[in-house]
Amino acid sequence: MPNAENVVVGTLRSMLKRRKHSGPAVTVDAELYGDLGLDSLEVAELSAVLEDEMGSDPYTEGQSPRTVGEVIAFYEE
């Protein structure tokens, strides 16, 4: 299985780079909605990429992570 932190952080950085995000860096403490400013379409994209790369994702499992670290923790459980 790929390293969860690398996949999650890498995916988010790629998404933010596409929209020229100039806010806070992608860290484990960064809030997905507040700090990184993700909208519902971007969360859906994140969910799809995580499903493809990791075989599952927290959103389809009924979880609603608020931070990057919470997304990573889903895979470490």
N, C-alpha and C. Protein backbone atom coordinates (compact mmCIF):
# COMPACT_ATOMS: atom_id res chain seq x y z
N MET A 1 0.85 -1.20 0.00
CA MET A 1 0.00 0.00 0.00
C MET A 1 0.89 1.25 0.00
N PRO A 2 0.53 2.24 -0.80
CA PRO A 2 1.31 3.48 -0.84
C PRO A 2 1.29 4.20 0.52
N ASN A 3 2.28 5.04 0.74
CA ASN A 3 2.34 5.83 1.97
C ASN A 3 1.21 6.85 1.97
N ALA A 4 0.34 6.76 2.98
CA ALA A 4 -0.86 7.61 3.04
C ALA A 4 -0.51 9.09 3.06
N GLU A 5 0.46 9.46 3.88
CA GLU A 5 0.80 10.89 3.98
C GLU A 5 1.28 11.42 2.64
N ASN A 6 2.12 10.67 1.94
CA ASN A 6 2.62 11.12 0.64
C ASN A 6 1.49 11.28 -0.37
N VAL A 7 0.56 10.33 -0.39
CA VAL A 7 -0.55 10.39 -1.35
C VAL A 7 -1.48 11.56 -1.03
N VAL A 8 -1.87 11.69 0.24
CA VAL A 8 -2.81 12.75 0.63
C VAL A 8 -2.19 14.13 0.40
N VAL A 9 -1.00 14.35 0.92
CA VAL A 9 -0.35 15.65 0.79
C VAL A 9 -0.04 15.95 -0.68
N GLY A 10 0.47 14.97 -1.40
CA GLY A 10 0.78 15.16 -2.82
C GLY A 10 -0.45 15.51 -3.64
N THR A 11 -1.56 14.81 -3.38
CA THR A 11 -2.80 15.08 -4.10
C THR A 11 -3.30 16.49 -3.81
N LEU A 12 -3.30 16.86 -2.55
CA LEU A 12 -3.76 18.20 -2.19
C LEU A 12 -2.87 19.28 -2.79
N ARG A 13 -1.57 19.10 -2.75
CA ARG A 13 -0.66 20.09 -3.33
C ARG A 13 -0.92 20.24 -4.83
N SER A 14 -1.13 19.13 -5.51
CA SER A 14 -1.41 19.17 -6.94
C SER A 14 -2.71 19.92 -7.23
N MET A 15 -3.74 19.62 -6.45
CA MET A 15 -5.03 20.29 -6.63
C MET A 15 -4.91 21.80 -6.40
N LEU A 16 -4.22 22.17 -5.34
CA LEU A 16 -4.08 23.59 -5.00
C LEU A 16 -3.21 24.32 -6.00
N LYS A 17 -2.21 23.65 -6.52
CA LYS A 17 -1.33 24.27 -7.52
C LYS A 17 -2.13 24.60 -8.79
N ARG A 18 -3.04 23.72 -9.17
CA ARG A 18 -3.88 23.95 -10.35
C ARG A 18 -4.69 25.22 -10.23
N ARG A 19 -5.17 25.50 -9.03
CA ARG A 19 -5.99 26.71 -8.87
C ARG A 19 -5.18 27.87 -8.28
N LYS A 20 -3.86 27.72 -8.27
CA LYS A 20 -2.95 28.78 -7.85
C LYS A 20 -3.25 29.27 -6.43
N HIS A 21 -3.44 28.30 -5.53
CA HIS A 21 -3.69 28.57 -4.10
C HIS A 21 -2.48 29.28 -3.52
N SER A 22 -2.71 30.39 -2.85
CA SER A 22 -1.60 31.14 -2.26
C SER A 22 -1.71 31.19 -0.74
N GLY A 23 -2.57 30.37 -0.19
CA GLY A 23 -2.77 30.34 1.26
C GLY A 23 -1.75 29.49 1.96
N PRO A 24 -2.10 29.01 3.16
CA PRO A 24 -1.19 28.20 3.96
C PRO A 24 -0.74 26.94 3.23
N ALA A 25 0.41 26.44 3.63
CA ALA A 25 0.96 25.21 3.06
C ALA A 25 0.13 24.01 3.50
N VAL A 26 0.27 22.93 2.76
CA VAL A 26 -0.41 21.68 3.11
C VAL A 26 0.41 21.00 4.20
N THR A 27 -0.11 21.05 5.43
CA THR A 27 0.52 20.39 6.57
C THR A 27 -0.52 19.49 7.21
N VAL A 28 -0.10 18.62 8.14
CA VAL A 28 -1.06 17.73 8.78
C VAL A 28 -2.08 18.50 9.61
N ASP A 29 -1.75 19.70 10.05
CA ASP A 29 -2.67 20.50 10.85
C ASP A 29 -3.60 21.38 10.01
N ALA A 30 -3.35 21.48 8.72
CA ALA A 30 -4.14 22.37 7.86
C ALA A 30 -5.58 21.87 7.77
N GLU A 31 -6.53 22.79 7.93
CA GLU A 31 -7.94 22.46 7.77
C GLU A 31 -8.29 22.46 6.29
N LEU A 32 -8.99 21.41 5.88
CA LEU A 32 -9.32 21.25 4.46
C LEU A 32 -10.18 22.40 3.94
N TYR A 33 -11.17 22.80 4.72
CA TYR A 33 -12.08 23.85 4.26
C TYR A 33 -11.57 25.24 4.63
N GLY A 34 -11.15 25.42 5.87
CA GLY A 34 -10.72 26.73 6.33
C GLY A 34 -9.40 27.18 5.74
N ASP A 35 -8.34 26.42 6.03
CA ASP A 35 -6.99 26.83 5.61
C ASP A 35 -6.77 26.65 4.10
N LEU A 36 -7.18 25.50 3.59
CA LEU A 36 -6.91 25.19 2.19
C LEU A 36 -8.04 25.63 1.27
N GLY A 37 -9.19 25.95 1.84
CA GLY A 37 -10.30 26.49 1.06
C GLY A 37 -10.92 25.52 0.07
N LEU A 38 -10.89 24.22 0.38
CA LEU A 38 -11.50 23.26 -0.54
C LEU A 38 -13.00 23.47 -0.62
N ASP A 39 -13.55 23.29 -1.81
CA ASP A 39 -15.00 23.33 -1.97
C ASP A 39 -15.49 21.90 -2.17
N SER A 40 -16.79 21.73 -2.31
CA SER A 40 -17.36 20.37 -2.37
C SER A 40 -16.87 19.59 -3.59
N LEU A 41 -16.64 20.26 -4.71
CA LEU A 41 -16.13 19.57 -5.89
C LEU A 41 -14.70 19.09 -5.67
N GLU A 42 -13.90 19.89 -4.99
CA GLU A 42 -12.52 19.49 -4.72
C GLU A 42 -12.47 18.33 -3.72
N VAL A 43 -13.37 18.34 -2.76
CA VAL A 43 -13.43 17.22 -1.82
C VAL A 43 -13.85 15.94 -2.55
N ALA A 44 -14.77 16.06 -3.50
CA ALA A 44 -15.17 14.90 -4.30
C ALA A 44 -14.00 14.39 -5.13
N GLU A 45 -13.21 15.31 -5.68
CA GLU A 45 -12.03 14.92 -6.45
C GLU A 45 -11.02 14.23 -5.54
N LEU A 46 -10.79 14.80 -4.36
CA LEU A 46 -9.87 14.19 -3.39
C LEU A 46 -10.34 12.78 -3.06
N SER A 47 -11.62 12.62 -2.81
CA SER A 47 -12.19 11.32 -2.49
C SER A 47 -11.92 10.31 -3.61
N ALA A 48 -12.14 10.72 -4.86
CA ALA A 48 -11.94 9.83 -6.00
C ALA A 48 -10.47 9.43 -6.15
N VAL A 49 -9.58 10.38 -5.99
CA VAL A 49 -8.15 10.09 -6.11
C VAL A 49 -7.71 9.14 -5.00
N LEU A 50 -8.16 9.39 -3.78
CA LEU A 50 -7.79 8.52 -2.67
C LEU A 50 -8.32 7.11 -2.87
N GLU A 51 -9.54 7.00 -3.39
CA GLU A 51 -10.12 5.69 -3.69
C GLU A 51 -9.25 4.95 -4.70
N ASP A 52 -8.83 5.65 -5.76
CA ASP A 52 -7.98 5.04 -6.79
C ASP A 52 -6.61 4.65 -6.25
N GLU A 53 -6.00 5.55 -5.50
CA GLU A 53 -4.62 5.34 -5.04
C GLU A 53 -4.51 4.41 -3.82
N MET A 54 -5.49 4.52 -2.91
CA MET A 54 -5.38 3.82 -1.64
C MET A 54 -6.39 2.67 -1.49
N GLY A 55 -7.36 2.58 -2.39
CA GLY A 55 -8.33 1.51 -2.33
C GLY A 55 -9.57 1.82 -1.50
N SER A 56 -9.57 2.93 -0.80
CA SER A 56 -10.72 3.37 -0.02
C SER A 56 -10.51 4.84 0.31
N ASP A 57 -11.56 5.46 0.86
CA ASP A 57 -11.40 6.85 1.29
C ASP A 57 -12.36 7.10 2.45
N PRO A 58 -12.04 8.07 3.30
CA PRO A 58 -12.86 8.30 4.48
C PRO A 58 -14.28 8.78 4.15
N TYR A 59 -14.45 9.47 3.05
CA TYR A 59 -15.75 10.05 2.73
C TYR A 59 -16.78 8.97 2.40
N THR A 60 -16.40 7.97 1.60
CA THR A 60 -17.34 6.91 1.28
C THR A 60 -17.55 5.96 2.46
N GLU A 61 -16.67 6.05 3.45
CA GLU A 61 -16.81 5.25 4.67
C GLU A 61 -17.62 6.00 5.73
N GLY A 62 -18.19 7.15 5.35
CA GLY A 62 -19.06 7.89 6.25
C GLY A 62 -18.36 8.85 7.20
N GLN A 63 -17.07 9.06 6.99
CA GLN A 63 -16.33 10.01 7.83
C GLN A 63 -16.24 11.35 7.13
N SER A 64 -16.06 12.40 7.92
CA SER A 64 -15.90 13.75 7.39
C SER A 64 -14.70 14.41 8.03
N PRO A 65 -13.49 14.04 7.57
CA PRO A 65 -12.30 14.64 8.15
C PRO A 65 -12.25 16.14 7.92
N ARG A 66 -11.74 16.86 8.92
CA ARG A 66 -11.64 18.32 8.81
C ARG A 66 -10.22 18.78 8.52
N THR A 67 -9.23 17.96 8.86
CA THR A 67 -7.84 18.34 8.64
C THR A 67 -7.13 17.31 7.77
N VAL A 68 -6.00 17.72 7.23
CA VAL A 68 -5.17 16.81 6.45
C VAL A 68 -4.78 15.61 7.32
N GLY A 69 -4.42 15.88 8.57
CA GLY A 69 -4.02 14.81 9.49
C GLY A 69 -5.12 13.79 9.72
N GLU A 70 -6.37 14.23 9.76
CA GLU A 70 -7.50 13.31 9.96
C GLU A 70 -7.68 12.41 8.74
N VAL A 71 -7.41 12.93 7.55
CA VAL A 71 -7.48 12.10 6.35
C VAL A 71 -6.38 11.03 6.42
N ILE A 72 -5.18 11.43 6.78
CA ILE A 72 -4.06 10.50 6.88
C ILE A 72 -4.34 9.45 7.96
N ALA A 73 -4.89 9.89 9.10
CA ALA A 73 -5.17 8.97 10.21
C ALA A 73 -6.15 7.87 9.79
N PHE A 74 -7.07 8.16 8.87
CA PHE A 74 -8.01 7.16 8.39
C PHE A 74 -7.27 5.93 7.87
N TYR A 75 -6.14 6.14 7.20
CA TYR A 75 -5.38 5.05 6.61
C TYR A 75 -4.44 4.37 7.60
N GLU A 76 -4.17 5.03 8.71
CA GLU A 76 -3.25 4.47 9.70
C GLU A 76 -3.98 3.66 10.76
N GLU A 77 -5.32 3.65 10.72
CA GLU A 77 -6.09 2.88 11.71
C GLU A 77 -6.09 1.41 11.38
